[in-house]
Amino acid sequence: MKHQIAKTSYHPYILIAFYLKCLPEHILQSIPRSTKYDWQHRDIQNYFGYDWYIENKDVFHTLEMVAINKSLLRINRALLRIIALKRFIIKHKDAIKAGRLIVKAVLVNHIVKVSGVIGFRKTLKYLDINSQQYANLKRNLRCPSSFYDLCKIKHPSQLLAKEIIAIKTYCLQSKYQFWSLCSVYHQMRRDGTAHMNLSTFYKYISHLNLKRSRAFSRRKNHSVGIRATAPFQILHADLTEFKTEDNRKAYIYLVQDNYSRAILTYQLSPERRAAYTLQNLLKVKTEYLLPANINECMLLTDDGSENYGEAKKWMSACEHPTINHVIAQTDIQYSNSMIEAANKQLKYRFLYHHKISDFSKLEDYLKKAIHDFNNRPHGVLNGLTPIEVLEGKTINQESLNNLLTLAKQSRIKENQQMKCCGGSF
């Protein structure tokens, strides 16, 4: 027994759109040719209502012209909106007179929409509203869904509510409380939580009043220092003091790579001795320089005593690689500012925010601080971490720009679909 195929039934509006010649192409192609032929060649003169159709043929011709002309369709929709607005004004005239913001917001919002099609003056004229009355409608009007009290339909590039929440969440997380705002921005971007320009991020940070907790510091302006073009070309070594709460001094010895800015190794000691500098250098040679087949590198230090003695002797005698020891601002005009900046960040962005009672506590906190420094996105590295740069990772700027563009397009589309000023009618 053969199964009969169910005959397709078409909605009346499909027939109307077919005869008005405004049926979308993808729907038109899905209708069988035999069905379309039947519709086109059907004898409709004997159908009920044909005489009425002939009497109102001009009306249907007008509908056909409106349906196939996008510009006329927009104007027609605008005129229908004006009719609805006039009814809305009559219905809510008491609320408008009393100055109810929600009603005024709806009215102003739709006036703006219509004026974009037929012009501002014509819109007010058709609504019997003069410019002074319109100014009174706009007075004290705010958009409740907008962070800046700007209509999201007129200003669709504003960040979405979920993007503002993401900014708040990241800035208030305890994990990032000692990070710079630039690092927080890049972490948010790396996680794919939200995409925006850095300037936009700072703008919202300012309005949200998300201040960072900073220890006291004095900022100095420095010229751009010496720069390497690959890892391990230039190394920095330095010593910095830290006083614990038991009023004892501790000395932190660091070695940093110039290109990636990664802290390669460190030593913590209660004494100031060249032996600790030497231990750092031996560790760097074994763990980094030899595996990377480095034949020669520059070591930039200051003129401190910890860089002389046995450390100086080892640097002079070292081969494979050869170590060219350079004293900052003596042998060259550059300072040792890069590692000094790293020292400052370790202290002001991490250590100074904790109560470190003694040397053993300092060891624990210093390990965490250096791990945080090496694995935190840095603005100067375009959002990469020092460890990532050291391992050869690079930023795909084209991909990043595409993400920003897609985020902006998505933001505009979603904002334009909002009923941000009290809804519609």
Protein backbone atom coordinates (compact mmCIF):
# COMPACT_ATOMS: atom_id res chain seq x y z
CA MET A 1 0.00 0.00 0.00
CA LYS A 2 1.43 3.35 -1.07
CA HIS A 3 1.53 6.20 1.42
CA GLN A 4 0.12 9.43 0.12
CA ILE A 5 2.35 12.47 0.50
CA ALA A 6 0.63 15.17 2.53
CA LYS A 7 -0.24 18.22 0.46
CA THR A 8 1.38 21.44 1.60
CA SER A 9 -0.98 24.11 2.87
CA TYR A 10 0.09 27.73 2.55
CA HIS A 11 -0.63 30.55 4.95
CA PRO A 12 -2.88 33.28 3.48
CA TYR A 13 -0.09 35.82 3.94
CA ILE A 14 2.10 33.73 1.62
CA LEU A 15 -0.50 34.18 -1.12
CA ILE A 16 -0.77 37.91 -0.38
CA ALA A 17 2.99 38.34 -0.54
CA PHE A 18 3.10 36.30 -3.77
CA TYR A 19 0.56 38.51 -5.51
CA LEU A 20 2.23 41.67 -4.11
CA LYS A 21 5.53 40.37 -5.53
CA CYS A 22 7.40 40.74 -2.24
CA LEU A 23 7.82 37.09 -1.26
CA PRO A 24 11.44 36.39 -0.13
CA GLU A 25 13.49 34.48 -2.68
CA HIS A 26 14.26 31.50 -0.41
CA ILE A 27 10.52 30.94 0.22
CA LEU A 28 9.68 31.44 -3.44
CA GLN A 29 12.18 28.75 -4.46
CA SER A 30 10.70 26.26 -1.96
CA ILE A 31 7.24 26.46 -3.59
CA PRO A 32 6.77 23.90 -6.43
CA ARG A 33 6.64 25.33 -9.94
CA SER A 34 3.26 23.73 -10.54
CA THR A 35 1.83 25.55 -7.53
CA LYS A 36 3.24 28.89 -8.66
CA TYR A 37 1.91 28.30 -12.19
CA ASP A 38 -1.52 27.56 -10.79
CA TRP A 39 -1.49 30.77 -8.72
CA GLN A 40 -0.36 32.86 -11.69
CA HIS A 41 -2.88 31.45 -14.21
CA ARG A 42 -5.87 30.90 -11.95
CA ASP A 43 -9.11 32.40 -13.25
CA ILE A 44 -10.15 34.66 -10.37
CA GLN A 45 -12.91 36.60 -12.12
CA ASN A 46 -15.61 34.26 -10.83
CA TYR A 47 -14.27 34.32 -7.21
CA PHE A 48 -16.33 36.00 -4.52
CA GLY A 49 -15.06 39.57 -3.87
CA TYR A 50 -13.52 40.12 -7.32
CA ASP A 51 -15.75 43.17 -7.92
CA TRP A 52 -14.58 44.69 -4.61
CA TYR A 53 -10.98 44.08 -5.65
CA ILE A 54 -11.51 45.90 -8.95
CA GLU A 55 -13.06 48.88 -7.12
CA ASN A 56 -10.01 49.09 -4.77
CA LYS A 57 -7.34 48.09 -7.26
CA ASP A 58 -5.45 51.36 -6.70
CA VAL A 59 -5.10 50.51 -3.01
CA PHE A 60 -3.58 47.12 -3.77
CA HIS A 61 -1.29 48.68 -6.36
CA THR A 62 -0.07 51.09 -3.68
CA LEU A 63 0.51 48.16 -1.30
CA GLU A 64 2.52 46.40 -4.02
CA MET A 65 4.70 49.48 -4.58
CA VAL A 66 5.29 49.86 -0.84
CA ALA A 67 6.12 46.17 -0.43
CA ILE A 68 8.77 46.07 -3.17
CA ASN A 69 10.35 49.45 -2.38
CA LYS A 70 12.46 49.45 0.81
CA SER A 71 12.43 53.24 1.10
CA LEU A 72 8.63 53.41 0.81
CA LEU A 73 8.34 50.56 3.29
CA ARG A 74 10.42 52.48 5.84
CA ILE A 75 8.32 55.61 5.32
CA ASN A 76 5.12 53.61 5.65
CA ARG A 77 6.29 52.08 8.92
CA ALA A 78 7.26 55.52 10.19
CA LEU A 79 3.79 56.89 9.36
CA LEU A 80 2.15 53.94 11.12
CA ARG A 81 4.36 54.64 14.12
CA ILE A 82 3.19 58.29 14.08
CA ILE A 83 -0.44 57.12 14.16
CA ALA A 84 0.37 54.87 17.12
CA LEU A 85 2.22 57.76 18.82
CA LYS A 86 -0.77 60.08 18.46
CA ARG A 87 -2.96 57.44 20.12
CA PHE A 88 -0.33 57.02 22.84
CA ILE A 89 -0.27 60.79 23.50
CA ILE A 90 -4.05 60.94 23.82
CA LYS A 91 -4.14 57.91 26.12
CA HIS A 92 -1.35 59.15 28.42
CA LYS A 93 -1.85 62.91 28.22
CA ASP A 94 -2.30 63.19 32.01
CA ALA A 95 0.91 61.22 32.68
CA ILE A 96 2.81 63.38 30.17
CA LYS A 97 1.47 66.54 31.80
CA ALA A 98 2.47 65.22 35.24
CA GLY A 99 6.01 64.61 33.95
CA ARG A 100 6.19 60.83 34.41
CA LEU A 101 9.65 59.93 33.18
CA ILE A 102 8.81 56.45 31.90
CA VAL A 103 6.04 57.78 29.63
CA LYS A 104 8.17 60.69 28.43
CA ALA A 105 11.03 58.30 27.70
CA VAL A 106 8.82 56.08 25.51
CA LEU A 107 7.52 59.10 23.59
CA VAL A 108 10.95 60.67 23.02
CA ASN A 109 12.46 57.32 22.03
CA HIS A 110 9.91 56.77 19.26
CA ILE A 111 10.08 60.37 18.08
CA VAL A 112 13.81 59.82 17.57
CA LYS A 113 13.14 56.62 15.59
CA VAL A 114 10.56 58.26 13.31
CA SER A 115 12.66 61.41 12.79
CA GLY A 116 15.46 59.25 11.44
CA VAL A 117 13.17 58.34 8.51
CA ILE A 118 11.05 61.39 7.72
CA GLY A 119 12.97 64.15 9.48
CA PHE A 120 12.66 65.86 12.86
CA ARG A 121 10.51 68.82 11.83
CA LYS A 122 7.98 66.72 9.93
CA THR A 123 7.71 64.28 12.84
CA LEU A 124 6.87 67.07 15.30
CA LYS A 125 4.47 68.63 12.78
CA TYR A 126 2.53 65.39 12.29
CA LEU A 127 2.33 64.91 16.07
CA ASP A 128 1.22 68.53 16.65
CA ILE A 129 4.20 69.10 18.97
CA ASN A 130 6.36 72.21 18.81
CA SER A 131 10.08 72.36 19.61
CA GLN A 132 9.48 73.84 23.08
CA GLN A 133 7.13 70.99 24.03
CA TYR A 134 9.70 68.49 22.77
CA ALA A 135 12.41 70.16 24.87
CA ASN A 136 10.14 69.84 27.93
CA LEU A 137 9.69 66.14 27.16
CA LYS A 138 13.47 65.61 27.08
CA ARG A 139 14.13 67.59 30.27
CA ASN A 140 15.45 65.42 33.16
CA LEU A 141 15.14 62.36 30.94
CA ARG A 142 17.54 59.49 31.55
CA CYS A 143 17.98 56.07 30.00
CA PRO A 144 17.75 53.62 32.94
CA SER A 145 19.57 50.77 31.18
CA SER A 146 22.57 52.89 30.13
CA PHE A 147 25.65 53.38 32.28
CA TYR A 148 26.06 56.90 30.87
CA ASP A 149 22.33 57.77 30.75
CA LEU A 150 22.51 57.71 26.95
CA CYS A 151 19.95 55.95 24.79
CA LYS A 152 21.49 52.68 23.67
CA ILE A 153 19.61 52.80 20.38
CA LYS A 154 21.11 56.19 19.51
CA HIS A 155 24.50 55.27 21.02
CA PRO A 156 24.77 51.50 20.41
CA SER A 157 28.53 51.27 20.92
CA GLN A 158 28.16 51.39 24.70
CA LEU A 159 29.35 48.30 26.56
CA LEU A 160 26.76 45.67 27.36
CA ALA A 161 25.67 45.09 30.95
CA LYS A 162 27.49 41.72 31.00
CA GLU A 163 30.72 43.42 29.85
CA ILE A 164 30.49 46.01 32.64
CA ILE A 165 29.91 43.20 35.14
CA ALA A 166 33.01 41.45 33.77
CA ILE A 167 35.11 44.60 34.35
CA LYS A 168 33.84 44.86 37.94
CA THR A 169 34.39 41.16 38.60
CA TYR A 170 37.99 41.13 37.37
CA CYS A 171 38.96 44.36 39.14
CA LEU A 172 37.48 43.22 42.46
CA GLN A 173 38.91 39.71 42.44
CA SER A 174 41.43 39.23 45.23
CA LYS A 175 43.62 37.29 42.80
CA TYR A 176 44.22 40.45 40.77
CA GLN A 177 44.07 43.10 43.51
CA PHE A 178 47.77 43.98 43.22
CA TRP A 179 47.93 43.82 39.44
CA SER A 180 48.05 46.93 37.31
CA LEU A 181 44.82 47.76 35.51
CA CYS A 182 46.55 47.11 32.20
CA SER A 183 47.38 43.56 33.32
CA VAL A 184 43.80 43.00 34.49
CA TYR A 185 42.53 44.18 31.09
CA HIS A 186 44.78 41.77 29.20
CA GLN A 187 43.84 38.87 31.50
CA MET A 188 40.15 39.54 30.88
CA ARG A 189 40.82 39.62 27.13
CA ARG A 190 42.92 36.41 27.25
CA ASP A 191 40.12 34.62 29.10
CA GLY A 192 37.69 35.68 26.36
CA THR A 193 35.34 37.23 28.91
CA ALA A 194 35.04 40.59 27.11
CA HIS A 195 36.76 42.39 24.27
CA MET A 196 37.15 46.17 24.06
CA ASN A 197 39.91 48.71 23.55
CA LEU A 198 42.19 49.53 26.46
CA SER A 199 41.05 53.17 26.39
CA THR A 200 37.41 52.04 26.74
CA PHE A 201 38.39 49.81 29.66
CA TYR A 202 40.09 52.73 31.45
CA LYS A 203 37.06 54.96 30.75
CA TYR A 204 34.67 52.56 32.48
CA ILE A 205 37.15 51.95 35.30
CA SER A 206 37.12 55.69 36.01
CA HIS A 207 33.32 55.92 36.06
CA LEU A 208 33.00 52.76 38.16
CA ASN A 209 35.53 54.24 40.61
CA LEU A 210 37.46 50.98 40.77
CA LYS A 211 40.59 52.36 42.35
CA ARG A 212 43.61 50.11 42.82
CA SER A 213 45.21 49.62 46.19
CA ARG A 214 48.66 51.12 45.87
CA ALA A 215 51.45 51.61 48.35
CA PHE A 216 53.09 55.04 48.46
CA SER A 217 55.45 55.68 45.57
CA ARG A 218 57.23 58.51 43.79
CA ARG A 219 57.17 58.39 40.04
CA LYS A 220 60.13 59.42 37.93
CA ASN A 221 60.31 59.87 34.20
CA HIS A 222 62.98 57.81 32.49
CA SER A 223 64.12 57.60 28.91
CA VAL A 224 63.82 54.30 27.05
CA GLY A 225 66.60 51.99 28.15
CA ILE A 226 68.67 49.42 26.31
CA ARG A 227 66.63 46.75 24.50
CA ALA A 228 67.43 43.23 23.27
CA THR A 229 65.96 41.64 20.13
CA ALA A 230 65.94 38.05 21.43
CA PRO A 231 66.00 36.22 24.79
CA PHE A 232 69.31 36.04 26.72
CA GLN A 233 71.08 38.71 24.63
CA ILE A 234 71.04 41.07 27.60
CA LEU A 235 70.68 40.09 31.25
CA HIS A 236 70.18 42.33 34.28
CA ALA A 237 71.35 41.61 37.82
CA ASP A 238 70.50 43.66 40.87
CA LEU A 239 70.15 43.64 44.63
CA THR A 240 67.35 45.23 46.64
CA GLU A 241 66.74 45.51 50.36
CA PHE A 242 63.58 44.60 52.23
CA LYS A 243 62.92 45.16 55.91
CA THR A 244 60.59 42.73 57.71
CA GLU A 245 58.36 43.66 60.65
CA ASP A 246 60.95 42.42 63.14
CA ASN A 247 63.13 45.29 61.83
CA ARG A 248 65.68 43.04 60.16
CA LYS A 249 67.09 43.61 56.69
CA ALA A 250 66.91 41.00 53.97
CA TYR A 251 68.60 41.17 50.57
CA ILE A 252 66.89 40.00 47.37
CA TYR A 253 69.22 39.10 44.47
CA LEU A 254 67.59 38.94 41.02
CA VAL A 255 68.62 38.12 37.45
CA GLN A 256 66.23 39.25 34.71
CA ASP A 257 66.09 38.73 30.94
CA ASN A 258 65.86 42.00 29.01
CA TYR A 259 63.80 40.76 26.04
CA SER A 260 61.06 38.86 27.90
CA ARG A 261 61.43 40.73 31.23
CA ALA A 262 61.17 37.36 32.99
CA ILE A 263 62.92 37.00 36.35
CA LEU A 264 65.14 33.99 35.65
CA THR A 265 66.34 33.31 39.17
CA TYR A 266 66.57 34.85 42.62
CA GLN A 267 68.31 34.48 45.96
CA LEU A 268 67.21 35.70 49.38
CA SER A 269 69.84 36.30 52.04
CA PRO A 270 70.27 38.17 55.33
CA GLU A 271 73.74 39.22 54.07
CA ARG A 272 75.09 41.35 51.25
CA ARG A 273 77.72 39.22 49.52
CA ALA A 274 78.98 38.60 45.98
CA ALA A 275 78.61 34.85 46.55
CA TYR A 276 74.83 35.11 46.14
CA THR A 277 75.18 37.00 42.87
CA LEU A 278 77.51 34.24 41.69
CA GLN A 279 74.99 31.54 42.66
CA ASN A 280 72.32 33.29 40.59
CA LEU A 281 74.63 33.57 37.57
CA LEU A 282 75.68 29.91 37.74
CA LYS A 283 72.02 28.87 37.89
CA VAL A 284 71.14 31.06 34.89
CA LYS A 285 74.01 29.60 32.87
CA THR A 286 73.04 26.01 33.66
CA GLU A 287 69.25 26.34 33.25
CA TYR A 288 68.97 28.89 30.42
CA LEU A 289 72.15 29.88 28.57
CA LEU A 290 73.60 26.44 27.88
CA PRO A 291 70.26 24.82 26.76
CA ALA A 292 69.68 27.80 24.42
CA ASN A 293 73.22 27.52 22.93
CA ILE A 294 74.05 31.15 23.75
CA ASN A 295 77.65 32.02 22.81
CA GLU A 296 77.75 35.53 24.19
CA CYS A 297 75.57 37.76 26.33
CA MET A 298 75.74 41.11 28.09
CA LEU A 299 75.24 41.35 31.85
CA LEU A 300 74.18 44.78 33.02
CA THR A 301 74.60 45.63 36.71
CA ASP A 302 75.15 48.70 38.86
CA ASP A 303 78.36 49.51 40.72
CA GLY A 304 77.43 47.65 43.92
CA SER A 305 79.91 45.55 45.85
CA GLU A 306 77.82 42.41 45.31
CA ASN A 307 78.87 42.48 41.64
CA TYR A 308 82.61 42.32 42.36
CA GLY A 309 84.86 39.78 44.14
CA GLU A 310 84.23 36.19 43.20
CA ALA A 311 81.29 37.16 40.97
CA LYS A 312 83.49 39.51 38.93
CA LYS A 313 86.25 36.88 38.64
CA TRP A 314 83.77 34.27 37.37
CA MET A 315 82.34 36.68 34.77
CA SER A 316 85.82 37.51 33.49
CA ALA A 317 86.82 33.84 33.17
CA CYS A 318 83.49 32.46 31.91
CA GLU A 319 83.43 30.88 28.45
CA HIS A 320 80.61 29.24 26.52
CA PRO A 321 78.97 31.67 26.83
CA THR A 322 81.17 34.70 27.16
CA ILE A 323 79.79 37.16 29.73
CA ASN A 324 80.35 40.83 28.91
CA HIS A 325 79.92 42.56 32.25
CA VAL A 326 78.81 46.18 31.82
CA ILE A 327 78.38 48.75 34.63
CA ALA A 328 75.27 50.90 34.13
CA GLN A 329 75.89 54.66 33.72
CA THR A 330 79.63 54.02 33.82
CA ASP A 331 80.52 51.78 30.89
CA ILE A 332 77.34 52.80 29.01
CA GLN A 333 74.94 55.72 29.35
CA TYR A 334 71.93 53.51 30.14
CA SER A 335 70.78 52.80 33.69
CA ASN A 336 69.76 49.40 35.05
CA SER A 337 66.16 50.63 35.11
CA MET A 338 64.44 47.48 33.87
CA ILE A 339 65.38 45.31 36.82
CA GLU A 340 64.96 48.26 39.18
CA ALA A 341 61.38 48.52 37.89
CA ALA A 342 60.93 44.80 38.54
CA ASN A 343 62.21 45.30 42.11
CA LYS A 344 59.71 48.11 42.56
CA GLN A 345 56.81 46.05 41.25
CA LEU A 346 57.66 43.11 43.49
CA LYS A 347 57.56 45.44 46.49
CA TYR A 348 54.78 47.92 45.70
CA ARG A 349 52.43 45.53 43.92
CA PHE A 350 52.93 42.56 46.22
CA LEU A 351 55.24 42.51 49.23
CA TYR A 352 54.28 45.88 50.75
CA HIS A 353 50.63 44.80 50.82
CA HIS A 354 51.34 42.03 53.32
CA LYS A 355 52.49 41.97 56.91
CA ILE A 356 55.73 40.00 56.66
CA SER A 357 56.89 39.27 60.16
CA ASP A 358 60.29 37.62 59.61
CA PHE A 359 62.77 36.16 57.13
CA SER A 360 61.00 32.80 56.73
CA LYS A 361 57.71 34.52 55.89
CA LEU A 362 59.51 36.69 53.37
CA GLU A 363 60.79 33.56 51.60
CA ASP A 364 57.22 32.31 51.14
CA TYR A 365 55.86 35.65 49.91
CA LEU A 366 58.81 36.32 47.60
CA LYS A 367 58.31 33.00 45.82
CA LYS A 368 54.65 33.88 45.22
CA ALA A 369 55.52 37.41 44.11
CA ILE A 370 58.02 36.26 41.49
CA HIS A 371 55.65 33.58 40.19
CA ASP A 372 52.96 36.26 39.93
CA PHE A 373 55.30 38.66 38.12
CA ASN A 374 56.41 36.05 35.57
CA ASN A 375 52.88 34.79 34.86
CA ARG A 376 51.03 38.10 34.79
CA PRO A 377 50.11 39.73 31.44
CA HIS A 378 52.27 42.82 30.90
CA GLY A 379 51.10 45.80 28.88
CA VAL A 380 54.57 46.41 27.44
CA LEU A 381 54.49 42.82 26.14
CA ASN A 382 51.08 43.36 24.47
CA GLY A 383 49.30 41.23 27.04
CA LEU A 384 51.71 38.28 27.03
CA THR A 385 53.37 37.07 30.20
CA PRO A 386 57.18 37.13 30.56
CA ILE A 387 57.27 33.33 30.58
CA GLU A 388 55.29 33.19 27.33
CA VAL A 389 57.66 35.64 25.61
CA LEU A 390 60.62 33.66 26.93
CA GLU A 391 59.11 30.53 25.36
CA GLY A 392 58.68 32.27 21.99
CA LYS A 393 54.94 32.98 21.99
CA THR A 394 53.77 35.97 19.93
CA ILE A 395 50.57 37.99 19.58
CA ASN A 396 48.42 37.57 16.46
CA GLN A 397 47.43 41.23 16.11
CA GLU A 398 45.06 40.52 13.21
CA SER A 399 43.17 37.94 15.26
CA LEU A 400 42.99 40.36 18.19
CA ASN A 401 41.64 43.13 15.94
CA ASN A 402 39.03 40.72 14.55
CA LEU A 403 37.87 39.88 18.08
CA LEU A 404 37.53 43.59 18.91
CA THR A 405 35.56 44.20 15.70
CA LEU A 406 33.24 41.24 16.30
CA ALA A 407 32.66 42.31 19.90
CA LYS A 408 31.78 45.84 18.76
CA GLN A 409 29.39 44.59 16.06
CA SER A 410 27.70 42.23 18.52
CA ARG A 411 27.44 45.06 21.09
CA ILE A 412 25.84 47.45 18.58
CA LYS A 413 23.39 44.80 17.36
CA GLU A 414 22.27 43.88 20.88
CA ASN A 415 21.99 47.51 22.02
CA GLN A 416 19.92 48.45 18.97
CA GLN A 417 17.44 45.71 19.79
CA MET A 418 16.96 46.95 23.35
CA LYS A 419 13.91 48.73 24.65
CA CYS A 420 16.13 50.84 26.82
CA CYS A 421 13.89 53.84 27.45
CA GLY A 422 10.90 52.17 29.02
CA GLY A 423 9.91 49.78 26.30
CA SER A 424 7.69 50.09 23.24
CA PHE A 425 3.99 49.97 22.60
